[in-house]
C-alpha atoms as a PDB file:
ATOM      1  CA  MET A   1     -92.403  86.763 104.443  1.00  0.00           C
ATOM      2  CA  LYS A   2     -94.537  88.687 101.250  1.00  0.00           C
ATOM      3  CA  ARG A   3     -95.650  92.323 101.905  1.00  0.00           C
ATOM      4  CA  TYR A   4     -98.249  94.226  99.641  1.00  0.00           C
ATOM      5  CA  CYS A   5     -98.858  97.580  99.344  1.00  0.00           C
ATOM      6  CA  GLN A   6    -102.517  99.016  98.337  1.00  0.00           C
ATOM      7  CA  ALA A   7    -103.946 102.326  97.181  1.00  0.00           C
ATOM      8  CA  LEU A   8    -107.968 103.522  97.884  1.00  0.00           C
ATOM      9  CA  GLU A   9    -109.788 106.082  98.047  1.00  0.00           C
ATOM     10  CA  LEU A  10    -112.629 107.152 100.309  1.00  0.00           C
ATOM     11  CA  VAL A  11    -115.878 109.288  98.911  1.00  0.00           C
ATOM     12  CA  ASP A  12    -115.447 112.738  99.865  1.00  0.00           C
ATOM     13  CA  ASP A  13    -117.899 113.183 102.989  1.00  0.00           C
ATOM     14  CA  PRO A  14    -115.972 113.956 106.315  1.00  0.00           C
ATOM     15  CA  GLU A  15    -119.462 111.886 108.112  1.00  0.00           C
ATOM     16  CA  MET A  16    -118.753 108.658 105.757  1.00  0.00           C
ATOM     17  CA  ILE A  17    -115.210 108.814 106.124  1.00  0.00           C
ATOM     18  CA  GLU A  18    -115.486 109.092 110.071  1.00  0.00           C
ATOM     19  CA  LYS A  19    -117.881 105.915 110.020  1.00  0.00           C
ATOM     20  CA  TYR A  20    -115.540 104.196 107.655  1.00  0.00           C
ATOM     21  CA  CYS A  21    -112.832 104.910 110.602  1.00  0.00           C
ATOM     22  CA  GLU A  22    -115.288 103.329 112.913  1.00  0.00           C
ATOM     23  CA  ALA A  23    -115.887 100.069 111.768  1.00  0.00           C
ATOM     24  CA  HIS A  24    -112.692  99.175 110.882  1.00  0.00           C
ATOM     25  CA  ALA A  25    -112.174 100.546 114.678  1.00  0.00           C
ATOM     26  CA  HIS A  26    -114.913  97.194 115.411  1.00  0.00           C
ATOM     27  CA  VAL A  27    -113.892  94.774 112.133  1.00  0.00           C
ATOM     28  CA  TRP A  28    -116.136  91.965 112.393  1.00  0.00           C
ATOM     29  CA  PRO A  29    -114.284  88.538 113.947  1.00  0.00           C
ATOM     30  CA  GLU A  30    -114.768  86.278 111.209  1.00  0.00           C
ATOM     31  CA  VAL A  31    -113.007  88.916 108.568  1.00  0.00           C
ATOM     32  CA  ILE A  32    -110.278  88.663 110.528  1.00  0.00           C
ATOM     33  CA  ALA A  33    -110.527  85.100 111.071  1.00  0.00           C
ATOM     34  CA  GLY A  34    -110.442  84.347 107.521  1.00  0.00           C
ATOM     35  CA  GLN A  35    -107.543  86.557 106.531  1.00  0.00           C
ATOM     36  CA  ARG A  36    -105.682  84.214 108.689  1.00  0.00           C
ATOM     37  CA  GLU A  37    -107.265  81.311 107.325  1.00  0.00           C
ATOM     38  CA  VAL A  38    -105.995  82.131 103.436  1.00  0.00           C
ATOM     39  CA  GLY A  39    -102.233  83.587 104.860  1.00  0.00           C
ATOM     40  CA  ILE A  40    -102.815  87.228 105.661  1.00  0.00           C
ATOM     41  CA  LEU A  41    -100.361  87.483 108.864  1.00  0.00           C
ATOM     42  CA  SER A  42    -100.563  90.852 109.473  1.00  0.00           C
ATOM     43  CA  MET A  43    -102.908  94.076 107.591  1.00  0.00           C
ATOM     44  CA  GLU A  44    -102.836  97.477 108.098  1.00  0.00           C
ATOM     45  CA  ILE A  45    -104.673 100.330 106.754  1.00  0.00           C
ATOM     46  CA  TRP A  46    -103.583 103.910 107.116  1.00  0.00           C
ATOM     47  CA  ARG A  47    -105.420 107.144 105.888  1.00  0.00           C
ATOM     48  CA  HIS A  48    -104.275 110.724 105.377  1.00  0.00           C
ATOM     49  CA  GLY A  49    -107.835 112.139 104.251  1.00  0.00           C
ATOM     50  CA  ARG A  50    -109.187 110.627 101.870  1.00  0.00           C
ATOM     51  CA  ARG A  51    -106.160 108.154 100.621  1.00  0.00           C
ATOM     52  CA  LEU A  52    -105.959 105.097 101.956  1.00  0.00           C
ATOM     53  CA  PHE A  53    -103.239 103.016 102.414  1.00  0.00           C
ATOM     54  CA  MET A  54    -103.121  99.216 103.114  1.00  0.00           C
ATOM     55  CA  ILE A  55     -99.767  97.135 104.103  1.00  0.00           C
ATOM     56  CA  MET A  56    -100.625  93.232 103.747  1.00  0.00           C
ATOM     57  CA  ASP A  57     -97.849  90.686 105.052  1.00  0.00           C
ATOM     58  CA  THR A  58     -98.316  87.548 104.202  1.00  0.00           C
ATOM     59  CA  ALA A  59     -97.187  83.549 104.213  1.00  0.00           C
ATOM     60  CA  ASP A  60     -94.051  83.116 102.006  1.00  0.00           C
ATOM     61  CA  ASP A  61     -97.075  80.553  99.730  1.00  0.00           C
ATOM     62  CA  PHE A  62     -99.308  83.424  99.423  1.00  0.00           C
ATOM     63  CA  ASP A  63    -100.921  83.761  96.081  1.00  0.00           C
ATOM     64  CA  PHE A  64    -102.523  86.746  95.290  1.00  0.00           C
ATOM     65  CA  GLY A  65    -105.047  85.929  93.049  1.00  0.00           C
ATOM     66  CA  ARG A  66    -105.597  82.842  94.716  1.00  0.00           C
ATOM     67  CA  ASP A  67    -105.731  83.393  98.036  1.00  0.00           C
ATOM     68  CA  MET A  68    -107.973  86.722  97.721  1.00  0.00           C
ATOM     69  CA  ALA A  69    -110.338  84.944  95.866  1.00  0.00           C
ATOM     70  CA  ARG A  70    -110.633  82.116  98.420  1.00  0.00           C
ATOM     71  CA  LEU A  71    -110.826  85.173 100.950  1.00  0.00           C
ATOM     72  CA  ALA A  72    -114.120  86.890  98.897  1.00  0.00           C
ATOM     73  CA  THR A  73    -115.855  83.647  99.850  1.00  0.00           C
ATOM     74  CA  LEU A  74    -115.730  82.819 103.644  1.00  0.00           C
ATOM     75  CA  PRO A  75    -117.982  83.905 105.668  1.00  0.00           C
ATOM     76  CA  ARG A  76    -119.368  87.084 106.172  1.00  0.00           C
ATOM     77  CA  GLN A  77    -116.222  88.575 104.183  1.00  0.00           C
ATOM     78  CA  ALA A  78    -118.843  89.149 100.987  1.00  0.00           C
ATOM     79  CA  GLU A  79    -121.015  91.360 103.934  1.00  0.00           C
ATOM     80  CA  TRP A  80    -118.318  92.673 105.168  1.00  0.00           C
ATOM     81  CA  GLU A  81    -117.214  94.214 102.040  1.00  0.00           C
ATOM     82  CA  ALA A  82    -120.367  95.348 100.331  1.00  0.00           C
ATOM     83  CA  TYR A  83    -120.817  97.109 103.670  1.00  0.00           C
ATOM     84  CA  VAL A  84    -117.930  99.169 103.616  1.00  0.00           C
ATOM     85  CA  SER A  85    -118.013  99.915  99.965  1.00  0.00           C
ATOM     86  CA  GLN A  86    -120.356 102.745 100.426  1.00  0.00           C
ATOM     87  CA  PHE A  87    -117.809 104.812 101.674  1.00  0.00           C
ATOM     88  CA  GLN A  88    -115.364 104.087  99.049  1.00  0.00           C
ATOM     89  CA  GLY A  89    -114.934 105.699  96.079  1.00  0.00           C
ATOM     90  CA  CYS A  90    -115.533 102.739  93.745  1.00  0.00           C
ATOM     91  CA  ALA A  91    -118.267 101.037  91.717  1.00  0.00           C
ATOM     92  CA  ALA A  92    -120.754  98.987  94.292  1.00  0.00           C
ATOM     93  CA  GLY A  93    -120.273  95.586  93.747  1.00  0.00           C
ATOM     94  CA  ALA A  94    -116.829  96.200  92.898  1.00  0.00           C
ATOM     95  CA  SER A  95    -114.599  93.198  94.341  1.00  0.00           C
ATOM     96  CA  SER A  96    -111.713  93.871  96.681  1.00  0.00           C
ATOM     97  CA  ALA A  97    -108.883  94.007  93.988  1.00  0.00           C
ATOM     98  CA  GLU A  98    -110.593  96.260  91.201  1.00  0.00           C
ATOM     99  CA  LYS A  99    -111.179  98.689  94.481  1.00  0.00           C
ATOM    100  CA  TRP A 100    -107.868  98.313  96.408  1.00  0.00           C
ATOM    101  CA  GLN A 101    -104.862  98.952  93.509  1.00  0.00           C
ATOM    102  CA  ARG A 102    -101.678  97.514  93.988  1.00  0.00           C
ATOM    103  CA  MET A 103     -99.082  99.732  94.618  1.00  0.00           C
ATOM    104  CA  GLU A 104     -95.081  99.039  93.239  1.00  0.00           C
ATOM    105  CA  VAL A 105     -92.113  99.385  95.618  1.00  0.00           C
ATOM    106  CA  ILE A 106     -89.937 101.864  93.843  1.00  0.00           C
ATOM    107  CA  PHE A 107     -87.231 102.122  96.587  1.00  0.00           C
ATOM    108  CA  ARG A 108     -86.493  99.826  99.871  1.00  0.00           C
ATOM    109  CA  SER A 109     -83.209 100.675 102.157  1.00  0.00           C
END
């Protein structure tokens, strides 16, 4: 299994943040199915204020660039990304890789 961690800032608007959280309480089934199809075994998003932290566990053969690009082509994924982008502090139309900044592990015990 591989693990990827990423960070993102939400817009500075408490109502928009609440709507973003509500959207993630009801993620569309096609989005979850697409994640599983490309090898994402599990995904968690944690929040502290405006800062989001994503933990993504994947299959051993998961290739981040290849499989995230494939995910973007699957049913409803582009629609989901367009919907949640209004809450994220990034340019409209930015890809998932442009929005979510991959983090480097610096400690593990």
